Amino acid sequence: MTGAQILIGRIKGRPAAARMRDGVLDDLLIDPPAGIPRPGTIFRGTVSRALKGIGGRFVRLPGQTGFLRQAAGHPEGAPLLVQVTGYAEPGKAVPVTTRLLFKSRYVIATPDNPGVNLSRTIRDEAARDRLLALAGTVALPEGLGLILRTEAGEADSDALIEDISETVDRARGVLSAARGGPERLLDGPTPERMAWRDWAGEAGATWIDAPDAFETHGIIDAIEALAVSRVDLPGGAWIEVEPTRALVAVDVNTGPDTSSAAGLKANIAAARALPRALRLRGLGGQIVVDFAPMPKKDRRTLDQVLTSAFRADSVETALVGWTTLGHVELSRKRERLPLTEAGL
């Protein structure tokens, strides 16, 4: 089937959302097991001891511990509002930040960062003036700012005002609960809500919400195929994606092509396929790629392809660069739960 499909369903009883493009699974969101907070969850915690060797502080949360990197100015024992930024590595504390963000489909509310800003992708001056005027009709608490997302440019006026109002009310409620003991104040978004927030702008997408949607549309089979480390590329090349405790190792293989350009062709194909391979497997942290042999002069071309491929990806990824051994290192935010840890 051509075009995009967005499917809402369940996997082993847990809520999930999947996006298909031209009949191929392109993205996957799965609710974590019980006891693991979703990214975006906001807690009121209590500042715990400092970690002088590595910097940062622990934060006592309900039933678990958070780790806060930016620890300056937070005395031990003080209550503190923190937001979960991603999934914890096995055996480690939950990563949290004090820089709270309240995201919706059209807007992001930003405490302690006042003012109304618009996405840079909205360039039309008339559209920008209209959006700023609409945002100005909603009263903001002191210190709360707004960022109007790209999707706001296409939004109906009433829908945009309603979305801003609901987001501001949500932020106001959380910020008013800054005193007290450890408590969960706001759950992170469910897969269905994330799909609506981040995928609803997909042009011409078909939405399917049914109990058996994943079984009847091949999602379950596609997920089972992700258990294999091999990802085939055009022309017979392939990559192997192997997660370890310390990092994710990616190996690029040229396959049967023995031409002088085989290495560059396989590497370009691998660079384009890598964001999807990591996204679907929920992999982040340090990524080390062992590309196929190619002339050093071609590295600039490959860097451009990598940068372009990850710019279009929904998960924040930074190209660190080439190592002395000829590998490429990437740093990727851990905002997805690895399938190996999801209990599927």
Protein backbone atom coordinates (compact mmCIF):
# COMPACT_ATOMS: atom_id res chain seq x y z
CA MET A 1 0.00 0.00 0.00
CA THR A 2 1.33 3.44 -0.96
CA GLY A 3 1.19 6.50 1.28
CA ALA A 4 1.24 6.72 5.05
CA GLN A 5 -0.80 4.78 7.56
CA ILE A 6 -0.95 5.56 11.28
CA LEU A 7 -2.19 2.67 13.37
CA ILE A 8 -3.29 2.72 17.01
CA GLY A 9 -3.37 -0.64 18.76
CA ARG A 10 -1.85 -2.79 21.47
CA ILE A 11 1.16 -5.10 21.76
CA LYS A 12 0.92 -7.74 24.48
CA GLY A 13 -1.72 -5.66 26.20
CA ARG A 14 0.26 -2.41 26.13
CA PRO A 15 -0.83 0.69 24.16
CA ALA A 16 1.17 1.29 21.00
CA ALA A 17 1.20 3.33 17.80
CA ALA A 18 2.87 2.56 14.48
CA ARG A 19 3.50 4.49 11.30
CA MET A 20 3.74 2.71 7.96
CA ARG A 21 5.07 4.35 4.81
CA ASP A 22 4.44 2.64 1.48
CA GLY A 23 3.74 -0.61 3.31
CA VAL A 24 6.94 -0.54 5.40
CA LEU A 25 7.08 0.00 9.16
CA ASP A 26 8.72 3.41 9.63
CA ASP A 27 8.21 4.28 13.30
CA LEU A 28 6.96 2.56 16.43
CA LEU A 29 5.86 3.83 19.85
CA ILE A 30 5.19 1.38 22.70
CA ASP A 31 4.11 2.11 26.26
CA PRO A 32 6.81 1.02 28.72
CA PRO A 33 6.22 -1.74 31.30
CA ALA A 34 4.61 -0.78 34.59
CA GLY A 35 6.90 1.16 36.90
CA ILE A 36 8.94 2.81 34.14
CA PRO A 37 7.96 6.48 33.69
CA ARG A 38 7.39 7.75 30.19
CA PRO A 39 9.62 10.58 28.94
CA GLY A 40 7.80 13.84 29.63
CA THR A 41 6.50 12.70 33.02
CA ILE A 42 6.76 15.47 35.62
CA PHE A 43 7.49 14.72 39.27
CA ARG A 44 7.81 16.79 42.37
CA GLY A 45 10.93 15.30 43.91
CA THR A 46 13.26 15.96 46.81
CA VAL A 47 16.88 16.89 46.17
CA SER A 48 19.20 14.21 47.53
CA ARG A 49 22.96 13.92 47.83
CA ALA A 50 25.45 15.44 45.42
CA LEU A 51 27.77 13.28 43.31
CA LYS A 52 31.02 15.19 43.49
CA GLY A 53 33.00 12.79 41.33
CA ILE A 54 30.75 12.99 38.27
CA GLY A 55 28.71 16.09 39.07
CA GLY A 56 24.95 16.26 39.44
CA ARG A 57 22.60 15.13 42.17
CA PHE A 58 20.18 12.34 42.87
CA VAL A 59 16.54 13.34 43.24
CA ARG A 60 14.18 11.24 45.33
CA LEU A 61 11.04 10.41 43.33
CA PRO A 62 8.01 8.27 44.24
CA GLY A 63 9.34 4.70 44.29
CA GLN A 64 12.53 5.48 42.36
CA THR A 65 15.51 7.78 41.99
CA GLY A 66 16.20 10.46 39.40
CA PHE A 67 19.54 11.85 38.29
CA LEU A 68 19.88 15.59 37.68
CA ARG A 69 22.95 16.87 35.83
CA GLN A 70 22.46 20.61 36.31
CA ALA A 71 22.62 20.50 40.11
CA ALA A 72 23.80 24.02 41.02
CA GLY A 73 21.48 25.99 43.26
CA HIS A 74 19.44 23.02 44.50
CA PRO A 75 20.14 22.42 48.21
CA GLU A 76 19.74 18.97 49.67
CA GLY A 77 16.24 18.28 51.02
CA ALA A 78 14.51 20.96 48.92
CA PRO A 79 11.41 20.09 46.84
CA LEU A 80 12.02 20.32 43.09
CA LEU A 81 9.93 19.96 39.94
CA VAL A 82 11.67 17.72 37.41
CA GLN A 83 10.76 16.16 34.07
CA VAL A 84 11.88 12.78 32.75
CA THR A 85 14.02 13.29 29.64
CA GLY A 86 14.43 9.68 28.52
CA TYR A 87 14.76 6.09 29.64
CA ALA A 88 17.37 5.06 32.17
CA GLU A 89 20.15 2.70 31.26
CA PRO A 90 19.84 -0.64 33.10
CA GLY A 91 20.71 -0.24 36.77
CA LYS A 92 20.91 3.56 36.61
CA ALA A 93 18.72 6.40 37.88
CA VAL A 94 16.03 8.00 35.71
CA PRO A 95 17.43 11.04 33.81
CA VAL A 96 15.56 14.22 34.73
CA THR A 97 15.81 17.95 34.12
CA THR A 98 14.45 21.08 35.79
CA ARG A 99 13.77 22.66 32.38
CA LEU A 100 10.12 21.69 32.08
CA LEU A 101 8.37 21.63 28.71
CA PHE A 102 4.63 21.18 28.18
CA LYS A 103 4.16 19.93 24.62
CA SER A 104 0.96 19.70 22.62
CA ARG A 105 0.22 19.38 18.94
CA TYR A 106 0.47 23.10 18.20
CA VAL A 107 2.42 24.65 21.05
CA ILE A 108 5.12 24.16 23.68
CA ALA A 109 4.74 26.00 27.00
CA THR A 110 8.09 27.01 28.52
CA PRO A 111 8.24 27.93 32.24
CA ASP A 112 10.88 30.51 33.21
CA ASN A 113 11.27 31.46 29.54
CA PRO A 114 8.63 34.15 28.88
CA GLY A 115 7.62 35.48 25.50
CA VAL A 116 5.88 34.06 22.43
CA ASN A 117 8.06 32.58 19.71
CA LEU A 118 7.22 30.91 16.42
CA SER A 119 8.80 28.00 14.58
CA ARG A 120 11.37 29.19 12.05
CA THR A 121 9.61 27.14 9.38
CA ILE A 122 6.67 29.59 9.49
CA ARG A 123 8.08 32.31 7.24
CA ASP A 124 5.00 34.05 5.87
CA GLU A 125 4.70 37.39 7.67
CA ALA A 126 0.91 37.48 7.52
CA ALA A 127 0.73 33.98 8.99
CA ARG A 128 3.17 34.94 11.74
CA ASP A 129 1.16 38.05 12.63
CA ARG A 130 -2.05 36.00 12.75
CA LEU A 131 -0.52 33.38 15.05
CA LEU A 132 0.97 35.94 17.39
CA ALA A 133 -2.42 37.70 17.61
CA LEU A 134 -4.20 34.43 18.43
CA ALA A 135 -1.62 33.50 21.06
CA GLY A 136 -2.07 36.94 22.62
CA THR A 137 -5.72 36.17 23.40
CA VAL A 138 -4.68 33.61 26.03
CA ALA A 139 -3.52 34.98 29.39
CA LEU A 140 -0.20 33.49 30.46
CA PRO A 141 1.00 33.05 34.05
CA GLU A 142 4.01 35.15 34.98
CA GLY A 143 7.22 33.70 33.59
CA LEU A 144 5.50 31.24 31.21
CA GLY A 145 6.37 31.46 27.52
CA LEU A 146 5.08 29.79 24.37
CA ILE A 147 6.60 28.33 21.24
CA LEU A 148 4.16 27.87 18.38
CA ARG A 149 5.13 24.72 16.48
CA THR A 150 5.21 24.30 12.70
CA GLU A 151 1.80 22.58 12.80
CA ALA A 152 0.25 25.75 14.26
CA GLY A 153 0.62 27.41 10.86
CA GLU A 154 -2.08 25.15 9.41
CA ALA A 155 -4.33 25.09 12.46
CA ASP A 156 -7.88 26.40 12.62
CA SER A 157 -8.05 29.49 14.85
CA ASP A 158 -10.46 27.96 17.38
CA ALA A 159 -8.48 24.72 17.55
CA LEU A 160 -5.25 26.63 18.11
CA ILE A 161 -6.69 28.79 20.89
CA GLU A 162 -8.18 25.71 22.56
CA ASP A 163 -4.85 23.88 22.35
CA ILE A 164 -2.95 26.85 23.81
CA SER A 165 -5.49 27.24 26.62
CA GLU A 166 -5.37 23.55 27.57
CA THR A 167 -1.57 23.51 27.52
CA VAL A 168 -1.31 26.67 29.62
CA ASP A 169 -3.82 25.28 32.14
CA ARG A 170 -1.82 22.07 32.37
CA ALA A 171 1.37 24.01 33.01
CA ARG A 172 -0.32 26.28 35.57
CA GLY A 173 -1.60 23.28 37.51
CA VAL A 174 1.82 21.62 37.70
CA LEU A 175 3.70 24.81 38.56
CA SER A 176 1.29 25.56 41.40
CA ALA A 177 2.19 22.23 43.05
CA ALA A 178 5.87 22.96 43.66
CA ARG A 179 5.72 22.35 47.43
CA GLY A 180 5.46 19.01 49.18
CA GLY A 181 6.95 15.55 49.15
CA PRO A 182 7.73 13.34 46.14
CA GLU A 183 4.71 12.96 43.86
CA ARG A 184 3.93 12.25 40.22
CA LEU A 185 2.21 15.39 38.92
CA LEU A 186 1.82 14.70 35.20
CA ASP A 187 2.19 11.53 33.14
CA GLY A 188 4.21 11.61 29.95
CA PRO A 189 2.26 11.23 26.71
CA THR A 190 0.86 7.84 25.71
CA PRO A 191 1.78 6.41 22.29
CA GLU A 192 -1.62 7.47 20.94
CA ARG A 193 -1.15 11.04 22.18
CA MET A 194 2.40 11.17 20.77
CA ALA A 195 1.13 9.93 17.41
CA TRP A 196 -1.55 12.64 17.37
CA ARG A 197 0.95 15.27 18.48
CA ASP A 198 3.82 14.38 16.14
CA TRP A 199 2.36 12.44 13.21
CA ALA A 200 -1.04 14.06 12.65
CA GLY A 201 0.46 16.50 10.17
CA GLU A 202 1.47 13.65 7.82
CA ALA A 203 -0.11 14.65 4.51
CA GLY A 204 -2.78 12.23 3.33
CA ALA A 205 -2.17 9.75 6.15
CA THR A 206 -4.82 7.13 6.86
CA TRP A 207 -5.63 6.61 10.55
CA ILE A 208 -6.61 3.14 11.75
CA ASP A 209 -7.67 2.63 15.38
CA ALA A 210 -8.86 -0.91 16.05
CA PRO A 211 -8.06 -3.69 18.57
CA ASP A 212 -6.68 -5.96 15.84
CA ALA A 213 -5.02 -3.24 13.74
CA PHE A 214 -1.49 -4.50 14.35
CA GLU A 215 -2.32 -8.10 13.50
CA THR A 216 -4.26 -7.35 10.32
CA HIS A 217 -1.75 -4.83 8.93
CA GLY A 218 1.46 -6.75 9.50
CA ILE A 219 2.82 -4.70 12.40
CA ILE A 220 3.37 -7.72 14.66
CA ASP A 221 5.35 -9.53 11.94
CA ALA A 222 7.44 -6.40 11.29
CA ILE A 223 8.25 -6.08 15.00
CA GLU A 224 9.31 -9.72 15.22
CA ALA A 225 11.65 -9.15 12.26
CA LEU A 226 13.44 -6.45 14.27
CA ALA A 227 14.88 -9.14 16.54
CA VAL A 228 17.35 -9.89 13.73
CA SER A 229 20.44 -7.65 13.74
CA ARG A 230 20.78 -7.65 9.94
CA VAL A 231 19.23 -4.84 7.88
CA ASP A 232 19.38 -5.41 4.11
CA LEU A 233 20.30 -2.51 1.82
CA PRO A 234 19.85 -1.98 -1.93
CA GLY A 235 22.35 -3.79 -4.17
CA GLY A 236 22.98 -6.68 -1.78
CA ALA A 237 24.79 -4.68 0.92
CA TRP A 238 23.66 -4.85 4.54
CA ILE A 239 24.32 -3.55 8.02
CA GLU A 240 24.48 -5.34 11.35
CA VAL A 241 23.07 -3.43 14.33
CA GLU A 242 24.35 -4.87 17.63
CA PRO A 243 23.41 -3.15 20.93
CA THR A 244 25.78 -3.74 23.86
CA ARG A 245 25.72 -2.39 27.40
CA ALA A 246 28.24 0.35 26.58
CA LEU A 247 27.27 1.32 23.02
CA VAL A 248 25.53 0.33 19.81
CA ALA A 249 27.89 -1.16 17.21
CA VAL A 250 26.95 -0.90 13.52
CA ASP A 251 28.89 -2.78 10.85
CA VAL A 252 28.48 -2.01 7.13
CA ASN A 253 29.03 -4.78 4.57
CA THR A 254 29.25 -4.29 0.79
CA GLY A 255 27.92 -7.70 -0.15
CA PRO A 256 28.65 -9.14 -3.62
CA ASP A 257 29.64 -5.79 -5.19
CA THR A 258 33.42 -5.76 -5.79
CA SER A 259 33.63 -2.54 -7.80
CA SER A 260 35.85 0.35 -6.76
CA ALA A 261 32.77 2.35 -5.74
CA ALA A 262 31.24 -0.48 -3.68
CA GLY A 263 32.32 0.96 -0.34
CA LEU A 264 30.90 4.43 -0.93
CA LYS A 265 27.64 3.08 -2.36
CA ALA A 266 27.10 0.75 0.60
CA ASN A 267 28.02 3.48 3.07
CA ILE A 268 25.58 5.98 1.59
CA ALA A 269 22.80 3.38 1.65
CA ALA A 270 23.70 2.52 5.25
CA ALA A 271 23.66 6.18 6.31
CA ARG A 272 20.17 6.61 4.87
CA ALA A 273 18.88 3.40 6.49
CA LEU A 274 20.47 3.92 9.90
CA PRO A 275 17.95 6.39 11.46
CA ARG A 276 15.05 4.02 10.81
CA ALA A 277 17.01 0.98 12.04
CA LEU A 278 17.83 2.74 15.33
CA ARG A 279 14.40 4.34 15.70
CA LEU A 280 12.47 1.09 15.35
CA ARG A 281 14.74 -0.75 17.79
CA GLY A 282 14.56 2.12 20.29
CA LEU A 283 18.35 2.46 20.40
CA GLY A 284 20.25 5.49 21.66
CA GLY A 285 23.34 6.56 23.56
CA GLN A 286 26.73 6.13 21.89
CA ILE A 287 26.56 4.74 18.35
CA VAL A 288 29.77 3.54 16.67
CA VAL A 289 29.61 2.81 12.94
CA ASP A 290 32.26 0.76 11.14
CA PHE A 291 31.70 1.85 7.56
CA ALA A 292 32.98 -0.15 4.62
CA PRO A 293 36.44 0.80 3.30
CA MET A 294 36.42 3.82 0.97
CA PRO A 295 38.80 6.66 0.03
CA LYS A 296 39.21 9.35 2.69
CA LYS A 297 38.20 11.97 0.16
CA ASP A 298 34.68 10.53 0.20
CA ARG A 299 34.20 11.16 3.91
CA ARG A 300 32.81 14.65 3.32
CA THR A 301 30.12 13.23 1.04
CA LEU A 302 29.20 10.60 3.60
CA ASP A 303 29.07 13.19 6.39
CA GLN A 304 26.58 15.22 4.36
CA VAL A 305 24.37 12.16 3.79
CA LEU A 306 24.49 11.24 7.49
CA THR A 307 23.67 14.77 8.58
CA SER A 308 20.73 14.97 6.19
CA ALA A 309 19.40 11.53 7.20
CA PHE A 310 19.41 12.29 10.92
CA ARG A 311 18.09 15.82 10.47
CA ALA A 312 14.85 14.27 9.26
CA ASP A 313 14.74 11.84 12.20
CA SER A 314 12.50 12.54 15.19
CA VAL A 315 15.14 11.53 17.76
CA GLU A 316 17.88 14.07 18.51
CA THR A 317 21.20 12.74 17.18
CA ALA A 318 24.60 14.44 16.96
CA LEU A 319 27.36 13.46 14.54
CA VAL A 320 30.47 13.43 16.77
CA GLY A 321 32.92 12.62 13.97
CA TRP A 322 35.52 10.16 12.74
CA THR A 323 37.82 8.31 15.11
CA THR A 324 41.51 7.58 14.47
CA LEU A 325 40.53 4.00 13.63
CA GLY A 326 38.19 5.18 10.89
CA HIS A 327 34.88 4.69 12.71
CA VAL A 328 32.10 7.26 12.97
CA GLU A 329 30.68 8.12 16.39
CA LEU A 330 27.16 9.40 16.96
CA SER A 331 25.46 10.50 20.17
CA ARG A 332 21.72 9.80 20.25
CA LYS A 333 19.16 10.76 22.87
CA ARG A 334 17.71 7.80 24.81
CA GLU A 335 14.07 8.77 24.38
CA ARG A 336 12.89 5.35 23.22
CA LEU A 337 12.85 2.16 25.28
CA PRO A 338 14.97 -0.50 23.50
CA LEU A 339 12.87 -3.39 22.24
CA THR A 340 15.23 -5.73 24.10
CA GLU A 341 14.12 -4.09 27.37
CA ALA A 342 10.45 -3.57 26.49
CA GLY A 343 9.39 -7.07 27.51
CA LEU A 344 7.90 -7.91 24.12
